Amino acid sequence: MVKEKAFPPSESGGAPLAVTVFFGANDASLPDRYAAFLHVPLDEYKQNLIAIVAFLKKKMRPEIYLFGDSITEGSFTNGGWGASLANHFSRTADVVLRGYSGYNTRWALMVKEKVLPPAESGGAPLAVTVFFGANDASLPDRYSAFQHVPLDEYKQNLVAIVAFLKKQWASTRIILITPPPIDEAARILAREYRHPYVPNPSGLPERTNEVAGRYAKECVAAAAECGVAVIDIWEKMQKLPNWEKTYLSDGLHLTPNGNKVVFEEVIAQLKDQKISPDNLPPDLPLFSQIDPNDPVKSFQNL
């Protein structure tokens, strides 16, 4: 009864790679026990599955896109800020991951049309987070120099990304997030105990906190110039005690506690812009809204 609402029409965009269909626990409720209203006869259950498989296409809920580097790519790991965001908005919005480890704003600007859907593909996302700068701030004379983007170009790249998003979707809320602070000692240790992508003959960190702070300030300035929201993680995190070890796993990437900081800042910004589960209707009737005496009527006016 709800498949057309739960999945988009085929003309809405590319086909999904896969869809899981995981029903049966409630269908198997016994017809003479207290959960009888959930019961579906065995032959009907099978035919329903066949019908669902025959139909399957995907419909998106309203979406929130996360566009960024490895700190975004890794945000769907256990305890990650993206996974927490998806859980926070479960049943009301889909959180779509567009994170690319190692990327800077120069590369992001070159791939933006490929990684974000065209305006004509469907409804505008509710929001997009843009979380770049950690790689742009790599020092130009250290082993990650190929990731370095000069400070003025970094700001202009952010302005260009925001302009692109605004042109695509005028109603979409945009949140810029600054690079995090850097624990330089931990960056050196991280390279000693992990296989580097490129050699580090100098033994010096490829980033410094002072330089990361300059990029954070330019991110804040870009947000002000564009009239969009910004989260200054570089500043906020350093106000917390023992931030180097509590919130950073290797002097750059986030621990579960660091992910929690980003998650809380993002949901606070979204709430300020009237985007929260309280303001978004659930995609389909909640279980508590289904009448045990007449379950079907809950699905008749979708």
Protein backbone atom coordinates (compact mmCIF):
# COMPACT_ATOMS: atom_id res chain seq x y z
CA MET A 1 0.00 0.00 0.00
CA VAL A 2 2.85 2.43 0.62
CA LYS A 3 5.45 1.37 -1.95
CA GLU A 4 4.72 4.25 -4.34
CA LYS A 5 5.23 6.72 -1.51
CA ALA A 6 8.29 5.02 -0.07
CA PHE A 7 10.14 4.78 -3.41
CA PRO A 8 10.53 7.36 -6.21
CA PRO A 9 9.30 6.99 -9.77
CA SER A 10 11.85 5.72 -12.28
CA GLU A 11 12.11 9.11 -13.96
CA SER A 12 13.45 10.72 -10.77
CA GLY A 13 17.03 9.66 -11.41
CA GLY A 14 19.44 6.72 -11.74
CA ALA A 15 18.44 3.29 -10.50
CA PRO A 16 19.77 2.23 -7.09
CA LEU A 17 22.50 -0.42 -7.09
CA ALA A 18 20.51 -2.58 -4.69
CA VAL A 19 17.47 -2.61 -2.42
CA THR A 20 17.02 -4.83 0.62
CA VAL A 21 13.49 -6.03 1.45
CA PHE A 22 13.31 -7.17 5.07
CA PHE A 23 9.74 -8.01 6.10
CA GLY A 24 8.13 -10.99 7.75
CA ALA A 25 8.60 -10.69 11.50
CA ASN A 26 5.28 -8.86 11.89
CA ASP A 27 3.47 -10.83 9.17
CA ALA A 28 4.27 -13.95 11.22
CA SER A 29 2.42 -12.67 14.30
CA LEU A 30 -0.08 -15.30 15.38
CA PRO A 31 -3.69 -14.55 14.36
CA ASP A 32 -5.11 -15.53 17.75
CA ARG A 33 -2.72 -13.55 19.96
CA TYR A 34 -2.52 -9.89 21.01
CA ALA A 35 -0.58 -8.83 17.88
CA ALA A 36 -3.18 -10.37 15.56
CA PHE A 37 -3.65 -7.06 13.71
CA LEU A 38 -0.11 -7.46 12.33
CA HIS A 39 -0.75 -10.95 11.00
CA VAL A 40 -0.66 -11.60 7.25
CA PRO A 41 -1.59 -15.09 5.99
CA LEU A 42 1.32 -17.08 4.60
CA ASP A 43 0.16 -17.19 0.98
CA GLU A 44 -0.59 -13.46 1.00
CA TYR A 45 2.85 -12.76 2.51
CA LYS A 46 4.53 -14.55 -0.36
CA GLN A 47 2.42 -12.76 -2.97
CA ASN A 48 3.12 -9.41 -1.33
CA LEU A 49 6.86 -10.03 -1.57
CA ILE A 50 6.52 -10.95 -5.22
CA ALA A 51 4.56 -7.74 -5.86
CA ILE A 52 7.14 -5.62 -4.04
CA VAL A 53 10.00 -7.16 -6.00
CA ALA A 54 8.12 -6.57 -9.26
CA PHE A 55 7.58 -2.90 -8.40
CA LEU A 56 10.86 -1.90 -6.82
CA LYS A 57 12.18 1.53 -7.46
CA LYS A 58 13.42 3.95 -4.89
CA LYS A 59 11.72 7.05 -3.53
CA MET A 60 13.75 9.54 -1.59
CA ARG A 61 12.61 11.30 1.51
CA PRO A 62 13.83 14.88 1.80
CA GLU A 63 17.62 14.74 1.77
CA ILE A 64 20.56 16.21 3.63
CA TYR A 65 23.85 15.97 1.72
CA LEU A 66 27.24 15.76 3.44
CA PHE A 67 29.96 16.98 1.05
CA GLY A 68 33.54 16.89 2.27
CA ASP A 69 36.85 15.09 2.67
CA SER A 70 37.86 12.09 4.80
CA ILE A 71 36.25 13.55 7.93
CA THR A 72 32.97 13.36 6.02
CA GLU A 73 33.77 10.06 4.30
CA GLY A 74 34.41 8.47 7.69
CA SER A 75 31.35 10.00 9.29
CA PHE A 76 29.27 6.85 8.78
CA THR A 77 31.60 4.67 10.84
CA ASN A 78 30.42 3.52 14.26
CA GLY A 79 29.85 6.67 16.32
CA GLY A 80 30.42 8.92 13.31
CA TRP A 81 28.68 12.28 13.02
CA GLY A 82 27.01 11.34 9.72
CA ALA A 83 25.64 8.07 11.10
CA SER A 84 24.34 9.95 14.14
CA LEU A 85 22.71 12.47 11.82
CA ALA A 86 21.04 9.68 9.83
CA ASN A 87 19.74 8.18 13.06
CA HIS A 88 18.56 11.59 14.26
CA PHE A 89 16.50 12.08 11.09
CA SER A 90 15.32 8.49 10.69
CA ARG A 91 11.82 8.34 9.15
CA THR A 92 11.96 12.04 8.23
CA ALA A 93 15.00 12.64 5.96
CA ASP A 94 17.72 10.67 4.19
CA VAL A 95 21.31 11.67 4.94
CA VAL A 96 23.39 11.23 1.77
CA LEU A 97 27.15 10.78 2.07
CA ARG A 98 29.44 12.49 -0.42
CA GLY A 99 32.78 12.30 1.38
CA TYR A 100 36.10 11.93 -0.46
CA SER A 101 39.24 11.13 1.49
CA GLY A 102 42.20 13.35 0.65
CA TYR A 103 40.18 15.85 -1.41
CA ASN A 104 40.64 19.60 -1.23
CA THR A 105 38.36 22.40 -2.45
CA ARG A 106 40.09 22.56 -5.83
CA TRP A 107 39.25 18.94 -6.53
CA ALA A 108 35.77 19.31 -5.01
CA LEU A 109 35.04 22.18 -7.34
CA MET A 110 36.01 20.01 -10.32
CA VAL A 111 33.72 17.10 -9.37
CA LYS A 112 30.73 18.93 -7.91
CA GLU A 113 28.45 18.27 -10.90
CA LYS A 114 29.26 14.56 -10.75
CA VAL A 115 28.76 14.00 -7.03
CA LEU A 116 25.68 16.18 -6.51
CA PRO A 117 22.44 15.58 -8.41
CA PRO A 118 21.27 17.96 -11.14
CA ALA A 119 18.54 20.42 -10.24
CA GLU A 120 16.05 18.69 -12.54
CA SER A 121 16.47 15.31 -10.82
CA GLY A 122 13.90 16.04 -8.12
CA GLY A 123 13.23 18.10 -5.03
CA ALA A 124 15.90 20.30 -3.54
CA PRO A 125 17.82 18.88 -0.55
CA LEU A 126 16.89 20.30 2.82
CA ALA A 127 20.53 21.11 3.52
CA VAL A 128 24.12 20.55 2.40
CA THR A 129 27.15 20.58 4.67
CA VAL A 130 30.44 21.58 3.02
CA PHE A 131 33.37 20.37 5.13
CA PHE A 132 36.70 21.01 3.38
CA GLY A 133 39.95 22.64 4.42
CA ALA A 134 41.99 20.03 6.29
CA ASN A 135 43.74 19.00 3.08
CA ASP A 136 43.89 22.49 1.56
CA ALA A 137 45.87 23.48 4.66
CA SER A 138 48.62 20.91 4.01
CA LEU A 139 51.90 22.77 3.96
CA PRO A 140 53.35 23.42 0.48
CA ASP A 141 56.87 22.37 1.49
CA ARG A 142 56.00 19.12 3.28
CA TYR A 143 55.13 15.61 2.11
CA SER A 144 51.43 16.35 1.43
CA ALA A 145 52.20 19.38 -0.73
CA PHE A 146 50.16 17.93 -3.62
CA GLN A 147 47.02 18.49 -1.51
CA HIS A 148 47.86 22.11 -0.69
CA VAL A 149 45.59 24.90 -1.94
CA PRO A 150 46.68 28.52 -1.34
CA LEU A 151 44.62 30.39 1.22
CA ASP A 152 43.01 32.90 -1.16
CA GLU A 153 42.11 30.16 -3.64
CA TYR A 154 40.61 28.08 -0.81
CA LYS A 155 38.24 30.88 0.08
CA GLN A 156 37.26 31.50 -3.53
CA ASN A 157 36.69 27.78 -4.06
CA LEU A 158 34.30 27.73 -1.10
CA VAL A 159 32.48 30.78 -2.49
CA ALA A 160 32.21 29.03 -5.87
CA ILE A 161 30.87 25.82 -4.30
CA VAL A 162 28.24 27.79 -2.38
CA ALA A 163 27.28 29.71 -5.54
CA PHE A 164 26.85 26.41 -7.37
CA LEU A 165 24.64 25.00 -4.61
CA LYS A 166 22.51 28.14 -4.49
CA LYS A 167 22.05 28.06 -8.27
CA GLN A 168 21.05 24.41 -8.11
CA TRP A 169 18.63 24.74 -5.21
CA ALA A 170 17.62 28.19 -4.02
CA SER A 171 15.80 26.84 -0.96
CA THR A 172 18.56 24.52 0.29
CA ARG A 173 20.27 25.48 3.53
CA ILE A 174 24.07 25.46 3.28
CA ILE A 175 26.41 24.98 6.23
CA LEU A 176 30.16 25.44 5.89
CA ILE A 177 32.36 23.64 8.43
CA THR A 178 35.94 24.77 9.07
CA PRO A 179 38.86 22.36 9.23
CA PRO A 180 39.50 20.98 12.72
CA PRO A 181 42.49 21.92 14.85
CA ILE A 182 45.74 19.99 14.40
CA ASP A 183 47.78 18.17 17.03
CA GLU A 184 51.18 18.30 15.34
CA ALA A 185 52.92 15.79 17.61
CA ALA A 186 50.19 13.25 16.95
CA ARG A 187 50.53 13.79 13.18
CA ILE A 188 54.20 12.80 13.34
CA LEU A 189 53.38 9.68 15.38
CA ALA A 190 50.56 8.78 13.00
CA ARG A 191 53.05 8.71 10.13
CA GLU A 192 55.49 6.57 12.09
CA TYR A 193 52.91 3.88 12.82
CA ARG A 194 50.99 3.95 9.55
CA HIS A 195 52.09 3.46 5.99
CA PRO A 196 52.23 6.93 4.42
CA TYR A 197 50.99 7.55 0.91
CA VAL A 198 54.23 9.44 0.21
CA PRO A 199 57.60 9.46 2.05
CA ASN A 200 58.24 11.95 4.85
CA PRO A 201 62.03 12.35 4.92
CA SER A 202 61.88 15.57 6.98
CA GLY A 203 60.13 13.92 9.92
CA LEU A 204 57.99 17.06 10.29
CA PRO A 205 54.17 17.23 10.40
CA GLU A 206 52.46 17.98 7.09
CA ARG A 207 50.04 20.37 8.79
CA THR A 208 50.25 22.84 11.66
CA ASN A 209 47.51 24.12 13.91
CA GLU A 210 48.43 27.73 13.23
CA VAL A 211 48.01 27.30 9.47
CA ALA A 212 44.78 25.30 9.93
CA GLY A 213 43.49 28.27 11.93
CA ARG A 214 44.11 30.60 8.99
CA TYR A 215 42.03 28.34 6.77
CA ALA A 216 39.31 28.18 9.40
CA LYS A 217 39.15 32.00 9.45
CA GLU A 218 38.86 32.10 5.66
CA CYS A 219 36.05 29.54 5.81
CA VAL A 220 34.21 31.75 8.30
CA ALA A 221 34.83 34.75 6.03
CA ALA A 222 33.53 32.86 2.99
CA ALA A 223 30.34 31.96 4.86
CA ALA A 224 29.82 35.62 5.81
CA GLU A 225 30.41 36.73 2.21
CA CYS A 226 27.91 34.17 0.91
CA GLY A 227 25.34 34.67 3.65
CA VAL A 228 25.33 31.05 4.80
CA ALA A 229 25.81 29.35 8.15
CA VAL A 230 29.19 28.22 9.40
CA ILE A 231 30.50 25.96 12.18
CA ASP A 232 33.97 26.91 13.39
CA ILE A 233 35.14 23.53 14.62
CA TRP A 234 38.74 24.74 14.80
CA GLU A 235 37.81 27.31 17.43
CA LYS A 236 35.08 25.39 19.25
CA MET A 237 37.11 22.23 19.72
CA GLN A 238 40.09 24.05 21.23
CA LYS A 239 37.86 25.48 23.95
CA LEU A 240 37.34 21.95 25.25
CA PRO A 241 39.78 20.40 27.78
CA ASN A 242 42.42 18.00 26.49
CA TRP A 243 41.08 18.45 22.96
CA GLU A 244 44.21 16.97 21.32
CA LYS A 245 43.62 13.47 22.67
CA THR A 246 39.91 13.54 23.50
CA TYR A 247 38.59 14.72 20.15
CA LEU A 248 41.30 13.80 17.61
CA SER A 249 42.38 10.22 16.90
CA ASP A 250 45.60 10.99 15.01
CA GLY A 251 46.00 14.72 15.34
CA LEU A 252 43.51 15.38 12.51
CA HIS A 253 40.67 12.87 12.25
CA LEU A 254 37.94 12.59 14.84
CA THR A 255 37.46 10.27 17.78
CA PRO A 256 33.90 9.29 18.76
CA ASN A 257 33.94 12.31 21.09
CA GLY A 258 35.08 14.53 18.23
CA ASN A 259 32.34 13.16 16.02
CA LYS A 260 29.84 13.95 18.76
CA VAL A 261 30.98 17.58 18.81
CA VAL A 262 30.47 17.91 15.05
CA PHE A 263 27.09 16.13 15.21
CA GLU A 264 25.81 18.39 17.97
CA GLU A 265 26.97 21.52 16.15
CA VAL A 266 25.34 20.40 12.89
CA ILE A 267 21.97 19.56 14.44
CA ALA A 268 22.03 22.87 16.32
CA GLN A 269 22.61 24.77 13.06
CA LEU A 270 19.90 22.79 11.29
CA LYS A 271 17.47 23.40 14.12
CA ASP A 272 18.18 27.14 13.93
CA GLN A 273 17.09 26.90 10.29
CA LYS A 274 13.88 25.01 11.19
CA ILE A 275 15.20 21.64 10.06
CA SER A 276 14.61 19.06 12.76
CA PRO A 277 12.60 15.85 13.21
CA ASP A 278 10.03 17.93 15.09
CA ASN A 279 9.41 20.02 11.97
CA LEU A 280 9.42 17.20 9.43
CA PRO A 281 6.55 14.75 9.01
CA PRO A 282 7.38 11.03 9.09
CA ASP A 283 7.40 9.50 5.63
CA LEU A 284 4.69 6.96 6.49
CA PRO A 285 2.29 6.35 9.40
CA LEU A 286 4.06 5.58 12.65
CA PHE A 287 3.29 2.25 14.25
CA SER A 288 1.58 4.07 17.11
CA GLN A 289 -0.78 5.71 14.60
CA ILE A 290 -2.04 2.45 13.11
CA ASP A 291 -5.47 1.39 14.37
CA PRO A 292 -5.24 -2.25 15.54
CA ASN A 293 -8.94 -2.69 14.71
CA ASP A 294 -8.60 -1.38 11.15
CA PRO A 295 -4.94 -1.13 10.11
CA VAL A 296 -5.71 -0.62 6.41
CA LYS A 297 -7.41 2.74 6.87
CA SER A 298 -4.11 4.29 7.99
CA PHE A 299 -2.76 3.81 4.48
CA GLN A 300 -5.76 4.90 2.42
CA ASN A 301 -5.01 8.63 2.16
CA LEU A 302 -1.26 8.63 1.59
